[in-house]
């Protein structure tokens, strides 16, 4: 397999190296500015996520209530709509 020294690409943005009769590899040099402070902040945020303590059973139960349909239903809106439907059905009967 052909190898390429990246220092050869300092003045060139792309180099194609023939591997065999049917294959070639294209090497591209990409210049990218990296915000080191943003990278450090991202690392700190990721480490903070890894250090998050495991939730207690009580916390999980409360979290589940926030997403379970039984607790998220707008019961008054449902009752009001049922009343509207009953009124309509009674008026056409």
PDB file of N, CA and C in Angstrom:
ATOM      1  N   UNK A   1       0.849  -1.174   0.000  1.00  0.00           N
ATOM      2  CA  UNK A   1       0.000   0.000   0.000  1.00  0.00           C
ATOM      3  C   UNK A   1       0.892   1.232   0.000  1.00  0.00           C
ATOM      4  N   UNK A   2       0.536   2.210  -0.799  1.00  0.00           N
ATOM      5  CA  UNK A   2       1.328   3.432  -0.892  1.00  0.00           C
ATOM      6  C   UNK A   2       1.107   4.290   0.334  1.00  0.00           C
ATOM      7  N   UNK A   3       2.175   4.899   0.795  1.00  0.00           N
ATOM      8  CA  UNK A   3       2.080   5.812   1.922  1.00  0.00           C
ATOM      9  C   UNK A   3       2.487   7.188   1.440  1.00  0.00           C
ATOM     10  N   UNK A   4       1.997   8.186   2.111  1.00  0.00           N
ATOM     11  CA  UNK A   4       2.300   9.552   1.708  1.00  0.00           C
ATOM     12  C   UNK A   4       2.744  10.342   2.918  1.00  0.00           C
ATOM     13  N   UNK A   5       3.740  11.158   2.717  1.00  0.00           N
ATOM     14  CA  UNK A   5       4.227  12.039   3.769  1.00  0.00           C
ATOM     15  C   UNK A   5       3.436  13.340   3.668  1.00  0.00           C
ATOM     16  N   UNK A   6       2.709  13.668   4.725  1.00  0.00           N
ATOM     17  CA  UNK A   6       1.849  14.851   4.677  1.00  0.00           C
ATOM     18  C   UNK A   6       2.633  16.138   4.482  1.00  0.00           C
ATOM     19  N   UNK A   7       3.895  16.141   4.831  1.00  0.00           N
ATOM     20  CA  UNK A   7       4.692  17.351   4.606  1.00  0.00           C
ATOM     21  C   UNK A   7       4.826  17.638   3.120  1.00  0.00           C
ATOM     22  N   UNK A   8       4.661  16.616   2.282  1.00  0.00           N
ATOM     23  CA  UNK A   8       4.692  16.827   0.837  1.00  0.00           C
ATOM     24  C   UNK A   8       3.524  17.681   0.366  1.00  0.00           C
ATOM     25  N   UNK A   9       2.470  17.752   1.157  1.00  0.00           N
ATOM     26  CA  UNK A   9       1.255  18.455   0.750  1.00  0.00           C
ATOM     27  C   UNK A   9       1.199  19.896   1.244  1.00  0.00           C
ATOM     28  N   UNK A  10       2.296  20.411   1.773  1.00  0.00           N
ATOM     29  CA  UNK A  10       2.256  21.756   2.340  1.00  0.00           C
ATOM     30  C   UNK A  10       1.886  22.807   1.305  1.00  0.00           C
ATOM     31  N   UNK A  11       2.317  22.621   0.055  1.00  0.00           N
ATOM     32  CA  UNK A  11       1.999  23.589  -0.990  1.00  0.00           C
ATOM     33  C   UNK A  11       0.870  23.128  -1.889  1.00  0.00           C
ATOM     34  N   UNK A  12       0.431  21.882  -1.702  1.00  0.00           N
ATOM     35  CA  UNK A  12      -0.589  21.292  -2.555  1.00  0.00           C
ATOM     36  C   UNK A  12      -1.796  20.970  -1.683  1.00  0.00           C
ATOM     37  N   UNK A  13      -2.974  21.172  -2.208  1.00  0.00           N
ATOM     38  CA  UNK A  13      -4.183  20.875  -1.445  1.00  0.00           C
ATOM     39  C   UNK A  13      -4.684  19.458  -1.676  1.00  0.00           C
ATOM     40  N   UNK A  14      -4.168  18.788  -2.724  1.00  0.00           N
ATOM     41  CA  UNK A  14      -4.636  17.445  -3.033  1.00  0.00           C
ATOM     42  C   UNK A  14      -3.528  16.676  -3.746  1.00  0.00           C
ATOM     43  N   UNK A  15      -3.458  15.377  -3.461  1.00  0.00           N
ATOM     44  CA  UNK A  15      -2.499  14.513  -4.147  1.00  0.00           C
ATOM     45  C   UNK A  15      -3.162  13.167  -4.368  1.00  0.00           C
ATOM     46  N   UNK A  16      -2.993  12.611  -5.548  1.00  0.00           N
ATOM     47  CA  UNK A  16      -3.557  11.312  -5.878  1.00  0.00           C
ATOM     48  C   UNK A  16      -2.399  10.332  -6.042  1.00  0.00           C
ATOM     49  N   UNK A  17      -2.521   9.203  -5.336  1.00  0.00           N
ATOM     50  CA  UNK A  17      -1.479   8.172  -5.362  1.00  0.00           C
ATOM     51  C   UNK A  17      -2.107   6.890  -5.902  1.00  0.00           C
ATOM     52  N   UNK A  18      -1.495   6.344  -6.951  1.00  0.00           N
ATOM     53  CA  UNK A  18      -1.995   5.100  -7.544  1.00  0.00           C
ATOM     54  C   UNK A  18      -1.606   3.934  -6.644  1.00  0.00           C
ATOM     55  N   UNK A  19      -2.583   3.110  -6.267  1.00  0.00           N
ATOM     56  CA  UNK A  19      -2.359   1.966  -5.390  1.00  0.00           C
ATOM     57  C   UNK A  19      -2.086   0.717  -6.219  1.00  0.00           C
ATOM     58  N   UNK A  20      -2.954   0.451  -7.210  1.00  0.00           N
ATOM     59  CA  UNK A  20      -2.780  -0.662  -8.131  1.00  0.00           C
ATOM     60  C   UNK A  20      -3.489  -0.289  -9.426  1.00  0.00           C
ATOM     61  N   UNK A  21      -3.685  -1.245 -10.304  1.00  0.00           N
ATOM     62  CA  UNK A  21      -4.279  -0.954 -11.610  1.00  0.00           C
ATOM     63  C   UNK A  21      -5.719  -0.430 -11.521  1.00  0.00           C
ATOM     64  N   UNK A  22      -6.421  -0.796 -10.456  1.00  0.00           N
ATOM     65  CA  UNK A  22      -7.837  -0.431 -10.341  1.00  0.00           C
ATOM     66  C   UNK A  22      -8.115   0.601  -9.259  1.00  0.00           C
ATOM     67  N   UNK A  23      -7.109   0.952  -8.468  1.00  0.00           N
ATOM     68  CA  UNK A  23      -7.362   1.778  -7.294  1.00  0.00           C
ATOM     69  C   UNK A  23      -6.342   2.897  -7.156  1.00  0.00           C
ATOM     70  N   UNK A  24      -6.847   4.027  -6.725  1.00  0.00           N
ATOM     71  CA  UNK A  24      -5.985   5.153  -6.359  1.00  0.00           C
ATOM     72  C   UNK A  24      -6.552   5.745  -5.080  1.00  0.00           C
ATOM     73  N   UNK A  25      -5.698   6.428  -4.344  1.00  0.00           N
ATOM     74  CA  UNK A  25      -6.157   7.124  -3.138  1.00  0.00           C
ATOM     75  C   UNK A  25      -5.930   8.609  -3.338  1.00  0.00           C
ATOM     76  N   UNK A  26      -6.915   9.370  -2.910  1.00  0.00           N
ATOM     77  CA  UNK A  26      -6.806  10.817  -2.995  1.00  0.00           C
ATOM     78  C   UNK A  26      -6.605  11.349  -1.588  1.00  0.00           C
ATOM     79  N   UNK A  27      -5.593  12.124  -1.383  1.00  0.00           N
ATOM     80  CA  UNK A  27      -5.302  12.744  -0.099  1.00  0.00           C
ATOM     81  C   UNK A  27      -5.577  14.230  -0.234  1.00  0.00           C
ATOM     82  N   UNK A  28      -6.297  14.759   0.718  1.00  0.00           N
ATOM     83  CA  UNK A  28      -6.622  16.188   0.713  1.00  0.00           C
ATOM     84  C   UNK A  28      -6.107  16.813   1.992  1.00  0.00           C
ATOM     85  N   UNK A  29      -5.602  18.001   1.854  1.00  0.00           N
ATOM     86  CA  UNK A  29      -5.178  18.766   3.018  1.00  0.00           C
ATOM     87  C   UNK A  29      -6.253  19.816   3.270  1.00  0.00           C
ATOM     88  N   UNK A  30      -6.762  19.819   4.484  1.00  0.00           N
ATOM     89  CA  UNK A  30      -7.800  20.767   4.845  1.00  0.00           C
ATOM     90  C   UNK A  30      -7.256  21.658   5.946  1.00  0.00           C
ATOM     91  N   UNK A  31      -7.333  22.931   5.717  1.00  0.00           N
ATOM     92  CA  UNK A  31      -6.902  23.886   6.739  1.00  0.00           C
ATOM     93  C   UNK A  31      -8.132  24.290   7.538  1.00  0.00           C
ATOM     94  N   UNK A  32      -8.005  24.237   8.834  1.00  0.00           N
ATOM     95  CA  UNK A  32      -9.149  24.534   9.696  1.00  0.00           C
ATOM     96  C   UNK A  32      -8.656  25.310  10.913  1.00  0.00           C
ATOM     97  N   UNK A  33      -9.301  26.409  11.187  1.00  0.00           N
ATOM     98  CA  UNK A  33      -8.998  27.162  12.399  1.00  0.00           C
ATOM     99  C   UNK A  33      -9.799  26.545  13.542  1.00  0.00           C
ATOM    100  N   UNK A  34      -9.150  26.318  14.665  1.00  0.00           N
ATOM    101  CA  UNK A  34      -9.800  25.693  15.809  1.00  0.00           C
ATOM    102  C   UNK A  34      -9.803  26.681  16.964  1.00  0.00           C
ATOM    103  N   UNK A  35     -10.993  26.944  17.488  1.00  0.00           N
ATOM    104  CA  UNK A  35     -11.128  27.816  18.653  1.00  0.00           C
ATOM    105  C   UNK A  35     -10.797  26.996  19.889  1.00  0.00           C
ATOM    106  N   UNK A  36      -9.609  27.189  20.410  1.00  0.00           N
ATOM    107  CA  UNK A  36      -9.140  26.372  21.535  1.00  0.00           C
ATOM    108  C   UNK A  36      -9.952  26.617  22.798  1.00  0.00           C
ATOM    109  N   UNK A  37     -10.400  27.838  23.015  1.00  0.00           N
ATOM    110  CA  UNK A  37     -11.213  28.121  24.206  1.00  0.00           C
ATOM    111  C   UNK A  37     -12.555  27.407  24.116  1.00  0.00           C
ATOM    112  N   UNK A  38     -13.158  27.414  22.940  1.00  0.00           N
ATOM    113  CA  UNK A  38     -14.433  26.701  22.757  1.00  0.00           C
ATOM    114  C   UNK A  38     -14.230  25.204  22.949  1.00  0.00           C
ATOM    115  N   UNK A  39     -13.097  24.692  22.474  1.00  0.00           N
ATOM    116  CA  UNK A  39     -12.796  23.275  22.631  1.00  0.00           C
ATOM    117  C   UNK A  39     -12.601  22.910  24.096  1.00  0.00           C
ATOM    118  N   UNK A  40     -11.939  23.773  24.843  1.00  0.00           N
ATOM    119  CA  UNK A  40     -11.750  23.542  26.280  1.00  0.00           C
ATOM    120  C   UNK A  40     -13.090  23.582  27.001  1.00  0.00           C
ATOM    121  N   UNK A  41     -13.960  24.509  26.609  1.00  0.00           N
ATOM    122  CA  UNK A  41     -15.287  24.614  27.229  1.00  0.00           C
ATOM    123  C   UNK A  41     -16.123  23.378  26.921  1.00  0.00           C
ATOM    124  N   UNK A  42     -16.048  22.910  25.677  1.00  0.00           N
ATOM    125  CA  UNK A  42     -16.777  21.688  25.313  1.00  0.00           C
ATOM    126  C   UNK A  42     -16.287  20.506  26.138  1.00  0.00           C
ATOM    127  N   UNK A  43     -14.972  20.397  26.311  1.00  0.00           N
ATOM    128  CA  UNK A  43     -14.400  19.316  27.110  1.00  0.00           C
ATOM    129  C   UNK A  43     -14.906  19.396  28.544  1.00  0.00           C
ATOM    130  N   UNK A  44     -14.918  20.600  29.114  1.00  0.00           N
ATOM    131  CA  UNK A  44     -15.403  20.776  30.488  1.00  0.00           C
ATOM    132  C   UNK A  44     -16.871  20.378  30.598  1.00  0.00           C
ATOM    133  N   UNK A  45     -17.683  20.756  29.608  1.00  0.00           N
ATOM    134  CA  UNK A  45     -19.103  20.398  29.612  1.00  0.00           C
ATOM    135  C   UNK A  45     -19.302  18.888  29.520  1.00  0.00           C
ATOM    136  N   UNK A  46     -18.509  18.239  28.678  1.00  0.00           N
ATOM    137  CA  UNK A  46     -18.620  16.787  28.535  1.00  0.00           C
ATOM    138  C   UNK A  46     -18.199  16.077  29.819  1.00  0.00           C
ATOM    139  N   UNK A  47     -17.135  16.560  30.451  1.00  0.00           N
ATOM    140  CA  UNK A  47     -16.700  15.964  31.718  1.00  0.00           C
ATOM    141  C   UNK A  47     -17.757  16.155  32.799  1.00  0.00           C
ATOM    142  N   UNK A  48     -18.416  17.304  32.791  1.00  0.00           N
ATOM    143  CA  UNK A  48     -19.481  17.562  33.759  1.00  0.00           C
ATOM    144  C   UNK A  48     -20.633  16.578  33.558  1.00  0.00           C
ATOM    145  N   UNK A  49     -20.961  16.292  32.287  1.00  0.00           N
ATOM    146  CA  UNK A  49     -22.025  15.322  32.012  1.00  0.00           C
ATOM    147  C   UNK A  49     -21.641  13.938  32.532  1.00  0.00           C
ATOM    148  N   UNK A  50     -20.371  13.557  32.336  1.00  0.00           N
ATOM    149  CA  UNK A  50     -19.932  12.241  32.810  1.00  0.00           C
ATOM    150  C   UNK A  50     -19.952  12.143  34.331  1.00  0.00           C
ATOM    151  N   UNK A  51     -19.807  13.257  35.006  1.00  0.00           N
ATOM    152  CA  UNK A  51     -19.767  13.262  36.468  1.00  0.00           C
ATOM    153  C   UNK A  51     -21.149  13.415  37.099  1.00  0.00           C
ATOM    154  N   UNK A  52     -22.197  13.462  36.262  1.00  0.00           N
ATOM    155  CA  UNK A  52     -23.557  13.601  36.787  1.00  0.00           C
ATOM    156  C   UNK A  52     -23.895  12.369  37.630  1.00  0.00           C
ATOM    157  N   UNK A  53     -24.418  12.571  38.832  1.00  0.00           N
ATOM    158  CA  UNK A  53     -24.747  11.417  39.681  1.00  0.00           C
ATOM    159  C   UNK A  53     -25.969  10.670  39.146  1.00  0.00           C
ATOM    160  N   UNK A  54     -26.024   9.395  39.456  1.00  0.00           N
ATOM    161  CA  UNK A  54     -27.175   8.584  39.067  1.00  0.00           C
ATOM    162  C   UNK A  54     -28.408   9.077  39.820  1.00  0.00           C
ATOM    163  N   UNK A  55     -29.547   9.212  39.130  1.00  0.00           N
ATOM    164  CA  UNK A  55     -30.750   9.706  39.811  1.00  0.00           C
ATOM    165  C   UNK A  55     -31.290   8.679  40.800  1.00  0.00           C
ATOM    166  N   UNK A  56     -31.950   9.191  41.817  1.00  0.00           N
ATOM    167  CA  UNK A  56     -32.594   8.306  42.787  1.00  0.00           C
ATOM    168  C   UNK A  56     -33.890   7.767  42.182  1.00  0.00           C
ATOM    169  N   UNK A  57     -34.462   6.747  42.810  1.00  0.00           N
ATOM    170  CA  UNK A  57     -35.729   6.198  42.323  1.00  0.00           C
ATOM    171  C   UNK A  57     -36.823   7.265  42.374  1.00  0.00           C
ATOM    172  N   UNK A  58     -36.795   8.090  43.412  1.00  0.00           N
ATOM    173  CA  UNK A  58     -37.798   9.146  43.540  1.00  0.00           C
ATOM    174  C   UNK A  58     -37.677  10.153  42.397  1.00  0.00           C
ATOM    175  N   UNK A  59     -36.423  10.512  42.029  1.00  0.00           N
ATOM    176  CA  UNK A  59     -36.222  11.444  40.913  1.00  0.00           C
ATOM    177  C   UNK A  59     -36.714  10.830  39.603  1.00  0.00           C
ATOM    178  N   UNK A  60     -36.463   9.552  39.411  1.00  0.00           N
ATOM    179  CA  UNK A  60     -36.925   8.894  38.195  1.00  0.00           C
ATOM    180  C   UNK A  60     -38.442   8.847  38.118  1.00  0.00           C
ATOM    181  N   UNK A  61     -39.085   8.624  39.253  1.00  0.00           N
ATOM    182  CA  UNK A  61     -40.548   8.602  39.287  1.00  0.00           C
ATOM    183  C   UNK A  61     -41.096   9.976  38.917  1.00  0.00           C
ATOM    184  N   UNK A  62     -40.529  11.024  39.490  1.00  0.00           N
ATOM    185  CA  UNK A  62     -40.992  12.381  39.176  1.00  0.00           C
ATOM    186  C   UNK A  62     -40.745  12.724  37.710  1.00  0.00           C
ATOM    187  N   UNK A  63     -39.607  12.314  37.182  1.00  0.00           N
ATOM    188  CA  UNK A  63     -39.313  12.556  35.777  1.00  0.00           C
ATOM    189  C   UNK A  63     -40.301  11.808  34.888  1.00  0.00           C
ATOM    190  N   UNK A  64     -40.603  10.579  35.250  1.00  0.00           N
ATOM    191  CA  UNK A  64     -41.577   9.795  34.492  1.00  0.00           C
ATOM    192  C   UNK A  64     -42.943  10.454  34.468  1.00  0.00           C
ATOM    193  N   UNK A  65     -43.331  11.082  35.566  1.00  0.00           N
ATOM    194  CA  UNK A  65     -44.623  11.770  35.628  1.00  0.00           C
ATOM    195  C   UNK A  65     -44.686  12.933  34.642  1.00  0.00           C
ATOM    196  N   UNK A  66     -43.547  13.549  34.377  1.00  0.00           N
ATOM    197  CA  UNK A  66     -43.539  14.688  33.450  1.00  0.00           C
ATOM    198  C   UNK A  66     -43.827  14.240  32.019  1.00  0.00           C
ATOM    199  N   UNK A  67     -43.591  12.967  31.699  1.00  0.00           N
ATOM    200  CA  UNK A  67     -43.756  12.487  30.336  1.00  0.00           C
ATOM    201  C   UNK A  67     -44.903  11.498  30.158  1.00  0.00           C
ATOM    202  N   UNK A  68     -45.398  10.912  31.233  1.00  0.00           N
ATOM    203  CA  UNK A  68     -46.450   9.915  31.101  1.00  0.00           C
ATOM    204  C   UNK A  68     -47.774  10.611  30.743  1.00  0.00           C
ATOM    205  N   UNK A  69     -48.505  10.058  29.760  1.00  0.00           N
ATOM    206  CA  UNK A  69     -49.757  10.697  29.324  1.00  0.00           C
ATOM    207  C   UNK A  69     -50.778  10.905  30.438  1.00  0.00           C
ATOM    208  N   UNK A  70     -50.810  10.020  31.420  1.00  0.00           N
ATOM    209  CA  UNK A  70     -51.780  10.175  32.509  1.00  0.00           C
ATOM    210  C   UNK A  70     -51.593  11.514  33.209  1.00  0.00           C
ATOM    211  N   UNK A  71     -50.352  11.929  33.368  1.00  0.00           N
ATOM    212  CA  UNK A  71     -50.052  13.161  34.093  1.00  0.00           C
ATOM    213  C   UNK A  71     -49.991  14.390  33.190  1.00  0.00           C
ATOM    214  N   UNK A  72     -49.899  14.182  31.880  1.00  0.00           N
ATOM    215  CA  UNK A  72     -49.770  15.326  30.978  1.00  0.00           C
ATOM    216  C   UNK A  72     -51.072  15.703  30.288  1.00  0.00           C
ATOM    217  N   UNK A  73     -52.119  14.913  30.500  1.00  0.00           N
ATOM    218  CA  UNK A  73     -53.404  15.219  29.871  1.00  0.00           C
ATOM    219  C   UNK A  73     -53.976  16.526  30.400  1.00  0.00           C
ATOM    220  N   UNK A  74     -54.560  17.290  29.486  1.00  0.00           N
ATOM    221  CA  UNK A  74     -55.298  18.489  29.879  1.00  0.00           C
ATOM    222  C   UNK A  74     -56.741  18.041  30.089  1.00  0.00           C
ATOM    223  N   UNK A  75     -57.028  17.575  31.311  1.00  0.00           N
ATOM    224  CA  UNK A  75     -58.316  16.969  31.606  1.00  0.00           C
ATOM    225  C   UNK A  75     -59.485  17.936  31.421  1.00  0.00           C
ATOM    226  N   UNK A  76     -59.284  19.181  31.756  1.00  0.00           N
ATOM    227  CA  UNK A  76     -60.373  20.156  31.590  1.00  0.00           C
ATOM    228  C   UNK A  76     -60.700  20.359  30.120  1.00  0.00           C
ATOM    229  N   UNK A  77     -59.691  20.426  29.281  1.00  0.00           N
ATOM    230  CA  UNK A  77     -59.925  20.579  27.839  1.00  0.00           C
ATOM    231  C   UNK A  77     -60.639  19.360  27.287  1.00  0.00           C
ATOM    232  N   UNK A  78     -60.291  18.173  27.754  1.00  0.00           N
ATOM    233  CA  UNK A  78     -60.941  16.940  27.291  1.00  0.00           C
ATOM    234  C   UNK A  78     -62.397  16.917  27.732  1.00  0.00           C
ATOM    235  N   UNK A  79     -62.640  17.290  28.994  1.00  0.00           N
ATOM    236  CA  UNK A  79     -64.030  17.320  29.485  1.00  0.00           C
ATOM    237  C   UNK A  79     -64.862  18.333  28.702  1.00  0.00           C
ATOM    238  N   UNK A  80     -64.253  19.499  28.405  1.00  0.00           N
ATOM    239  CA  UNK A  80     -64.970  20.530  27.646  1.00  0.00           C
ATOM    240  C   UNK A  80     -65.295  20.016  26.247  1.00  0.00           C
ATOM    241  N   UNK A  81     -64.374  19.320  25.614  1.00  0.00           N
ATOM    242  CA  UNK A  81     -64.618  18.796  24.267  1.00  0.00           C
ATOM    243  C   UNK A  81     -65.684  17.709  24.307  1.00  0.00           C
ATOM    244  N   UNK A  82     -65.657  16.852  25.330  1.00  0.00           N
ATOM    245  CA  UNK A  82     -66.699  15.826  25.473  1.00  0.00           C
ATOM    246  C   UNK A  82     -68.061  16.491  25.608  1.00  0.00           C
ATOM    247  N   UNK A  83     -68.138  17.558  26.377  1.00  0.00           N
ATOM    248  CA  UNK A  83     -69.408  18.286  26.542  1.00  0.00           C
ATOM    249  C   UNK A  83     -69.877  18.858  25.207  1.00  0.00           C
ATOM    250  N   UNK A  84     -68.944  19.431  24.435  1.00  0.00           N
ATOM    251  CA  UNK A  84     -69.307  19.975  23.117  1.00  0.00           C
ATOM    252  C   UNK A  84     -69.845  18.873  22.210  1.00  0.00           C
ATOM    253  N   UNK A  85     -69.212  17.719  22.221  1.00  0.00           N
ATOM    254  CA  UNK A  85     -69.643  16.604  21.377  1.00  0.00           C
ATOM    255  C   UNK A  85     -71.016  16.122  21.809  1.00  0.00           C
ATOM    256  N   UNK A  86     -71.223  16.006  23.135  1.00  0.00           N
ATOM    257  CA  UNK A  86     -72.531  15.561  23.640  1.00  0.00           C
ATOM    258  C   UNK A  86     -73.613  16.543  23.241  1.00  0.00           C
ATOM    259  N   UNK A  87     -73.337  17.851  23.369  1.00  0.00           N
ATOM    260  CA  UNK A  87     -74.331  18.861  22.971  1.00  0.00           C
ATOM    261  C   UNK A  87     -74.663  18.741  21.494  1.00  0.00           C
ATOM    262  N   UNK A  88     -73.644  18.551  20.673  1.00  0.00           N
ATOM    263  CA  UNK A  88     -73.877  18.410  19.232  1.00  0.00           C
ATOM    264  C   UNK A  88     -74.694  17.176  18.932  1.00  0.00           C
ATOM    265  N   UNK A  89     -74.306  16.046  19.540  1.00  0.00           N
ATOM    266  CA  UNK A  89     -75.014  14.794  19.280  1.00  0.00           C
ATOM    267  C   UNK A  89     -76.463  14.883  19.747  1.00  0.00           C
ATOM    268  N   UNK A  90     -76.695  15.542  20.897  1.00  0.00           N
ATOM    269  CA  UNK A  90     -78.071  15.686  21.399  1.00  0.00           C
ATOM    270  C   UNK A  90     -78.896  16.600  20.509  1.00  0.00           C
ATOM    271  N   UNK A  91     -78.260  17.570  19.880  1.00  0.00           N
ATOM    272  CA  UNK A  91     -79.016  18.509  19.053  1.00  0.00           C
ATOM    273  C   UNK A  91     -79.418  17.891  17.709  1.00  0.00           C
ATOM    274  N   UNK A  92     -78.691  16.875  17.255  1.00  0.00           N
ATOM    275  CA  UNK A  92     -79.045  16.246  15.982  1.00  0.00           C
ATOM    276  C   UNK A  92     -79.876  14.987  16.165  1.00  0.00           C
ATOM    277  N   UNK A  93     -80.085  14.584  17.405  1.00  0.00           N
ATOM    278  CA  UNK A  93     -80.872  13.352  17.632  1.00  0.00           C
ATOM    279  C   UNK A  93     -82.332  13.623  17.549  1.00  0.00           C
TER     280      UNK A  93
END
